[in-house]
Amino acid sequence: MFVEKRGRIGGAGFSGFRPASANIMKTKTSSMILGSLLLQVLGCADFAGWVRQYTYPPGFHYITAEQLRSTMWRMAYHSRELNRLMISSGTPESYRKEILEHLDGMERSAIELNRTGWPSNHPLIDANRSNFLRDIKLAGDSIRRGPPNFLLASSVTGACVYCHGSRSAND
């Protein structure tokens, strides 16, 4: 396939042909350069965040993967430390202050996942978050009372099953 190119050479009419593949190469090169520039601009800006403001309702709370991951790691840390204190050789009463600190840390992390109370992009978290926060609050209240009751604090260490399900040692 050839594309006709008309022009004047030395004042005389000239009718020449140029292969269509030259036009295709020029178009591909231009497209690649434009695409590369566009990707650089979109990569530097928070394009996904910009798009989300138009694609989700105003009250919707979008939890980023990084926010979810870091919050879950913090909750796992507090849960692990709380469990360690509950099964340690000393009495739980001797660790009362530390246990309350870990419960407070878990509560702050859970609240951080969604301060708005509106639905998020993680329906499992939305469905279980209020029960999890209720359990943490009840555990903290029962430890602050005299005499303290540590039973509810023990159950909070296993509250991960709300979202993650029960996992056995063989999983």
Protein backbone atom coordinates (compact mmCIF):
# COMPACT_ATOMS: atom_id res chain seq x y z
CA MET A 1 0.00 0.00 0.00
CA PHE A 2 1.41 3.41 -0.96
CA VAL A 3 0.37 6.92 -0.07
CA GLU A 4 0.67 9.52 -2.79
CA LYS A 5 2.61 12.63 -1.93
CA ARG A 6 2.41 15.58 -4.30
CA GLY A 7 4.84 18.41 -4.33
CA ARG A 8 6.92 20.59 -6.61
CA ILE A 9 10.54 19.95 -7.29
CA GLY A 10 12.42 22.55 -9.27
CA GLY A 11 9.23 24.21 -10.45
CA ALA A 12 7.91 21.08 -12.13
CA GLY A 13 5.05 19.01 -10.86
CA PHE A 14 6.18 15.83 -9.19
CA SER A 15 4.07 12.94 -8.23
CA GLY A 16 5.89 10.60 -5.82
CA PHE A 17 4.96 7.75 -3.57
CA ARG A 18 5.95 7.06 0.04
CA PRO A 19 5.21 3.78 1.81
CA ALA A 20 2.30 3.86 4.28
CA SER A 21 4.53 2.17 6.87
CA ALA A 22 6.48 5.46 7.21
CA ASN A 23 3.29 7.22 8.31
CA ILE A 24 2.44 4.41 10.68
CA MET A 25 5.94 4.56 12.24
CA LYS A 26 5.63 8.32 12.68
CA THR A 27 2.23 7.91 14.34
CA LYS A 28 3.47 5.12 16.63
CA THR A 29 6.51 7.15 17.69
CA SER A 30 4.37 10.21 18.40
CA SER A 31 1.90 8.08 20.38
CA MET A 32 4.69 6.50 22.42
CA ILE A 33 6.19 9.89 23.29
CA LEU A 34 2.80 11.33 24.20
CA GLY A 35 1.93 8.21 26.23
CA SER A 36 5.24 8.36 28.06
CA LEU A 37 4.72 12.01 28.98
CA LEU A 38 1.17 11.32 30.10
CA LEU A 39 2.27 8.42 32.32
CA GLN A 40 4.95 10.59 33.90
CA VAL A 41 2.45 13.31 34.71
CA LEU A 42 -0.11 10.84 36.05
CA GLY A 43 2.52 8.95 38.01
CA CYS A 44 3.77 12.04 39.80
CA ALA A 45 0.33 13.31 40.74
CA ASP A 46 -2.14 11.44 42.90
CA PHE A 47 -4.28 10.70 39.87
CA ALA A 48 -6.22 7.93 41.60
CA GLY A 49 -7.12 10.29 44.45
CA TRP A 50 -8.20 12.93 41.98
CA VAL A 51 -10.42 10.47 40.12
CA ARG A 52 -11.92 9.15 43.36
CA GLN A 53 -13.30 12.57 44.25
CA TYR A 54 -15.52 12.32 41.17
CA THR A 55 -16.31 8.61 41.20
CA TYR A 56 -17.30 8.09 44.86
CA PRO A 57 -20.06 9.90 46.76
CA PRO A 58 -18.89 12.77 49.03
CA GLY A 59 -19.51 10.84 52.28
CA PHE A 60 -17.69 7.73 51.09
CA HIS A 61 -14.42 7.01 52.91
CA TYR A 62 -11.76 5.47 50.68
CA ILE A 63 -9.13 3.48 52.59
CA THR A 64 -5.89 3.19 50.62
CA ALA A 65 -3.99 -0.09 50.55
CA GLU A 66 -1.08 1.53 52.40
CA GLN A 67 -3.36 2.95 55.10
CA LEU A 68 -5.04 -0.42 55.54
CA ARG A 69 -1.74 -2.30 55.69
CA SER A 70 -0.10 0.03 58.22
CA THR A 71 -3.19 0.14 60.43
CA MET A 72 -3.50 -3.65 60.41
CA TRP A 73 0.17 -4.00 61.34
CA ARG A 74 -0.34 -1.62 64.29
CA MET A 75 -3.41 -3.55 65.45
CA ALA A 76 -1.55 -6.85 65.09
CA TYR A 77 1.31 -5.45 67.18
CA HIS A 78 -1.04 -4.32 69.97
CA SER A 79 -2.95 -7.60 69.84
CA ARG A 80 0.25 -9.64 70.04
CA GLU A 81 1.58 -7.57 72.95
CA LEU A 82 -1.76 -7.73 74.73
CA ASN A 83 -1.79 -11.51 74.35
CA ARG A 84 1.80 -11.71 75.60
CA LEU A 85 0.88 -9.74 78.73
CA MET A 86 -2.24 -11.79 79.37
CA ILE A 87 -0.40 -15.13 79.27
CA SER A 88 2.79 -13.95 81.00
CA SER A 89 3.89 -15.47 84.29
CA GLY A 90 2.98 -12.38 86.32
CA THR A 91 -0.54 -11.41 87.27
CA PRO A 92 -2.44 -9.29 84.78
CA GLU A 93 -2.94 -6.70 87.52
CA SER A 94 0.80 -6.00 87.49
CA TYR A 95 0.53 -5.17 83.78
CA ARG A 96 -2.72 -3.23 84.07
CA LYS A 97 -1.31 0.05 82.70
CA GLU A 98 0.38 -1.64 79.73
CA ILE A 99 -2.75 -3.65 78.91
CA LEU A 100 -4.81 -0.44 78.86
CA GLU A 101 -2.22 1.23 76.62
CA HIS A 102 -2.46 -1.61 74.10
CA LEU A 103 -6.26 -1.54 74.19
CA ASP A 104 -6.15 2.23 73.59
CA GLY A 105 -3.72 1.70 70.70
CA MET A 106 -6.04 -0.85 69.10
CA GLU A 107 -8.98 1.51 69.53
CA ARG A 108 -7.11 4.45 67.93
CA SER A 109 -6.10 2.25 65.00
CA ALA A 110 -9.65 1.02 64.44
CA ILE A 111 -11.03 4.56 64.60
CA GLU A 112 -8.35 5.74 62.17
CA LEU A 113 -9.67 3.34 59.54
CA ASN A 114 -12.87 5.34 59.26
CA ARG A 115 -13.46 8.55 61.17
CA THR A 116 -16.46 9.55 59.07
CA GLY A 117 -18.73 6.63 59.91
CA TRP A 118 -19.75 6.49 56.24
CA PRO A 119 -19.25 3.36 54.14
CA SER A 120 -15.76 2.62 52.90
CA ASN A 121 -14.28 0.51 50.13
CA HIS A 122 -13.82 -2.34 52.65
CA PRO A 123 -17.31 -3.66 53.52
CA LEU A 124 -15.89 -6.32 55.83
CA ILE A 125 -14.29 -3.64 57.97
CA ASP A 126 -17.47 -1.57 57.89
CA ALA A 127 -19.53 -4.57 59.01
CA ASN A 128 -17.28 -5.57 61.93
CA ARG A 129 -15.66 -2.34 63.09
CA SER A 130 -18.42 -1.30 65.51
CA ASN A 131 -18.41 -4.72 67.25
CA PHE A 132 -14.63 -4.60 67.50
CA LEU A 133 -14.68 -1.09 68.99
CA ARG A 134 -17.44 -2.12 71.41
CA ASP A 135 -15.37 -5.09 72.62
CA ILE A 136 -12.29 -2.91 73.12
CA LYS A 137 -14.30 -0.31 75.07
CA LEU A 138 -15.92 -2.94 77.27
CA ALA A 139 -12.55 -4.58 77.95
CA GLY A 140 -11.00 -1.24 78.91
CA ASP A 141 -13.94 -0.35 81.15
CA SER A 142 -13.80 -3.72 82.93
CA ILE A 143 -10.07 -3.28 83.60
CA ARG A 144 -10.47 0.30 84.89
CA ARG A 145 -13.08 -0.81 87.46
CA GLY A 146 -12.14 -2.11 90.83
CA PRO A 147 -11.56 -4.99 91.09
CA PRO A 148 -10.39 -5.26 87.48
CA ASN A 149 -11.72 -7.99 85.22
CA PHE A 150 -9.24 -9.10 82.53
CA LEU A 151 -11.49 -11.68 80.87
CA LEU A 152 -12.75 -9.31 78.15
CA ALA A 153 -9.20 -8.12 77.42
CA SER A 154 -8.27 -11.73 76.71
CA SER A 155 -11.08 -12.03 74.19
CA VAL A 156 -9.97 -8.86 72.36
CA THR A 157 -6.68 -10.52 71.44
CA GLY A 158 -8.68 -12.95 69.31
CA ALA A 159 -10.99 -10.33 67.81
CA CYS A 160 -9.13 -10.58 64.49
CA VAL A 161 -11.50 -13.43 63.63
CA TYR A 162 -14.25 -10.86 63.02
CA CYS A 163 -12.66 -10.07 59.65
CA HIS A 164 -9.94 -12.66 59.12
CA GLY A 165 -11.82 -15.75 60.24
CA SER A 166 -10.48 -18.54 62.37
CA ARG A 167 -7.13 -19.87 61.28
CA SER A 168 -5.59 -23.05 62.56
CA ALA A 169 -1.89 -23.73 62.96
CA ASN A 170 -1.97 -25.83 59.77
CA ASP A 171 -3.17 -22.91 57.54
